[in-house]
Amino acid sequence: MYKVLIVDDHESMSDSLSQALSKTGSFEVVGTLKNALYAELYCGKLKPDLILMDVCTEGGASGLEATKTIKENYPDIKIIVISGFDEITY
């Protein structure tokens, strides 16, 4: 079973992703965060295999910056960057 950390400030999105992943039987959601600033810390504690990372999180914290830091320190963790923005430049 793959351990997943969800980083998204929209509770409805986090809940939907968590339910969808849990129903597959292949994923265990080990945590959800609203602020990307804490994602690296939680990687050390929860040891996720996969992170679903929102581009912009609570307080304007950048999911892109958090992704860069996590990949530098935890290169084996896979990260999928997601966004509700319709802006293609992200």
C-alpha atoms as a PDB file:
ATOM      1  CA  MET A   1       0.000   0.000   0.000  1.00  0.00           C
ATOM      2  CA  TYR A   2       1.317   3.438  -0.971  1.00  0.00           C
ATOM      3  CA  LYS A   3       1.346   6.189   1.661  1.00  0.00           C
ATOM      4  CA  VAL A   4      -0.012   9.533   0.432  1.00  0.00           C
ATOM      5  CA  LEU A   5       0.224  13.053   1.861  1.00  0.00           C
ATOM      6  CA  ILE A   6      -2.301  15.578   0.528  1.00  0.00           C
ATOM      7  CA  VAL A   7      -1.359  19.274   0.651  1.00  0.00           C
ATOM      8  CA  ASP A   8      -4.335  21.447  -0.329  1.00  0.00           C
ATOM      9  CA  ASP A   9      -6.032  24.328   1.440  1.00  0.00           C
ATOM     10  CA  HIS A  10      -9.492  23.466   0.103  1.00  0.00           C
ATOM     11  CA  GLU A  11     -11.012  21.000   2.526  1.00  0.00           C
ATOM     12  CA  SER A  12     -13.533  19.691   0.000  1.00  0.00           C
ATOM     13  CA  MET A  13     -10.722  18.859  -2.444  1.00  0.00           C
ATOM     14  CA  SER A  14      -8.631  17.160   0.239  1.00  0.00           C
ATOM     15  CA  ASP A  15     -11.620  15.131   1.401  1.00  0.00           C
ATOM     16  CA  SER A  16     -12.529  14.115  -2.161  1.00  0.00           C
ATOM     17  CA  LEU A  17      -8.982  13.058  -2.985  1.00  0.00           C
ATOM     18  CA  SER A  18      -8.664  11.187   0.291  1.00  0.00           C
ATOM     19  CA  GLN A  19     -11.901   9.265  -0.249  1.00  0.00           C
ATOM     20  CA  ALA A  20     -11.110   8.433  -3.872  1.00  0.00           C
ATOM     21  CA  LEU A  21      -7.623   7.163  -3.038  1.00  0.00           C
ATOM     22  CA  SER A  22      -8.755   5.177   0.005  1.00  0.00           C
ATOM     23  CA  LYS A  23     -11.463   3.414  -2.000  1.00  0.00           C
ATOM     24  CA  THR A  24      -8.891   1.931  -4.392  1.00  0.00           C
ATOM     25  CA  GLY A  25      -7.346  -0.179  -1.668  1.00  0.00           C
ATOM     26  CA  SER A  26      -3.866   0.693  -2.952  1.00  0.00           C
ATOM     27  CA  PHE A  27      -3.364   3.978  -1.108  1.00  0.00           C
ATOM     28  CA  GLU A  28      -3.317   5.010   2.541  1.00  0.00           C
ATOM     29  CA  VAL A  29      -3.721   8.742   3.169  1.00  0.00           C
ATOM     30  CA  VAL A  30      -1.305   9.332   6.031  1.00  0.00           C
ATOM     31  CA  GLY A  31      -2.003  13.043   6.357  1.00  0.00           C
ATOM     32  CA  THR A  32      -3.539  16.201   4.966  1.00  0.00           C
ATOM     33  CA  LEU A  33      -2.117  19.701   5.257  1.00  0.00           C
ATOM     34  CA  LYS A  34      -3.550  23.096   4.355  1.00  0.00           C
ATOM     35  CA  ASN A  35      -0.184  24.872   4.239  1.00  0.00           C
ATOM     36  CA  ALA A  36       2.761  23.809   2.061  1.00  0.00           C
ATOM     37  CA  LEU A  37       5.231  25.343   4.530  1.00  0.00           C
ATOM     38  CA  TYR A  38       4.816  22.260   6.745  1.00  0.00           C
ATOM     39  CA  ALA A  39       5.063  19.637   4.003  1.00  0.00           C
ATOM     40  CA  GLU A  40       8.791  18.958   4.350  1.00  0.00           C
ATOM     41  CA  LEU A  41       8.492  18.494   8.117  1.00  0.00           C
ATOM     42  CA  TYR A  42       5.660  16.017   7.628  1.00  0.00           C
ATOM     43  CA  CYS A  43       7.681  14.093   5.044  1.00  0.00           C
ATOM     44  CA  GLY A  44      10.220  13.346   7.742  1.00  0.00           C
ATOM     45  CA  LYS A  45       7.537  12.191  10.160  1.00  0.00           C
ATOM     46  CA  LEU A  46       5.071  10.384   7.885  1.00  0.00           C
ATOM     47  CA  LYS A  47       7.421   9.062   5.169  1.00  0.00           C
ATOM     48  CA  PRO A  48       4.903   9.292   2.299  1.00  0.00           C
ATOM     49  CA  ASP A  49       5.542   7.600  -1.032  1.00  0.00           C
ATOM     50  CA  LEU A  50       3.478  10.202  -2.872  1.00  0.00           C
ATOM     51  CA  ILE A  51       2.420  13.799  -2.279  1.00  0.00           C
ATOM     52  CA  LEU A  52      -0.476  15.523  -4.001  1.00  0.00           C
ATOM     53  CA  MET A  53       0.621  19.174  -3.796  1.00  0.00           C
ATOM     54  CA  ASP A  54      -1.547  22.197  -4.552  1.00  0.00           C
ATOM     55  CA  VAL A  55       0.242  25.040  -6.365  1.00  0.00           C
ATOM     56  CA  CYS A  56      -0.904  27.685  -3.881  1.00  0.00           C
ATOM     57  CA  THR A  57      -1.917  26.834  -0.326  1.00  0.00           C
ATOM     58  CA  GLU A  58      -3.146  28.557   2.808  1.00  0.00           C
ATOM     59  CA  GLY A  59      -1.541  31.924   3.493  1.00  0.00           C
ATOM     60  CA  GLY A  60      -0.177  32.066  -0.048  1.00  0.00           C
ATOM     61  CA  ALA A  61       2.423  29.371   0.678  1.00  0.00           C
ATOM     62  CA  SER A  62       3.861  28.067  -2.573  1.00  0.00           C
ATOM     63  CA  GLY A  63       3.416  24.400  -3.314  1.00  0.00           C
ATOM     64  CA  LEU A  64       6.010  24.789  -6.058  1.00  0.00           C
ATOM     65  CA  GLU A  65       8.657  25.990  -3.596  1.00  0.00           C
ATOM     66  CA  ALA A  66       7.742  23.205  -1.175  1.00  0.00           C
ATOM     67  CA  THR A  67       8.042  20.683  -4.010  1.00  0.00           C
ATOM     68  CA  LYS A  68      11.546  21.922  -4.834  1.00  0.00           C
ATOM     69  CA  THR A  69      12.673  21.638  -1.209  1.00  0.00           C
ATOM     70  CA  ILE A  70      11.146  18.196  -0.738  1.00  0.00           C
ATOM     71  CA  LYS A  71      12.721  16.832  -3.930  1.00  0.00           C
ATOM     72  CA  GLU A  72      16.127  18.110  -2.772  1.00  0.00           C
ATOM     73  CA  ASN A  73      15.819  16.416   0.625  1.00  0.00           C
ATOM     74  CA  TYR A  74      13.620  13.413  -0.190  1.00  0.00           C
ATOM     75  CA  PRO A  75      14.366  12.514  -3.828  1.00  0.00           C
ATOM     76  CA  ASP A  76      12.462   9.203  -3.666  1.00  0.00           C
ATOM     77  CA  ILE A  77       9.122  10.828  -2.823  1.00  0.00           C
ATOM     78  CA  LYS A  78       6.949  11.260  -5.895  1.00  0.00           C
ATOM     79  CA  ILE A  79       5.021  14.537  -6.123  1.00  0.00           C
ATOM     80  CA  ILE A  80       2.049  15.346  -8.301  1.00  0.00           C
ATOM     81  CA  VAL A  81       1.370  19.085  -8.456  1.00  0.00           C
ATOM     82  CA  ILE A  82      -2.322  19.965  -8.752  1.00  0.00           C
ATOM     83  CA  SER A  83      -4.235  23.204  -9.083  1.00  0.00           C
ATOM     84  CA  GLY A  84      -7.719  24.591  -9.427  1.00  0.00           C
ATOM     85  CA  PHE A  85      -6.297  27.609 -11.253  1.00  0.00           C
ATOM     86  CA  ASP A  86      -7.059  27.886 -14.934  1.00  0.00           C
ATOM     87  CA  GLU A  87      -3.734  29.683 -15.476  1.00  0.00           C
ATOM     88  CA  ILE A  88      -1.506  27.598 -17.741  1.00  0.00           C
ATOM     89  CA  THR A  89       1.746  29.290 -16.663  1.00  0.00           C
ATOM     90  CA  TYR A  90       1.984  27.178 -13.499  1.00  0.00           C
END
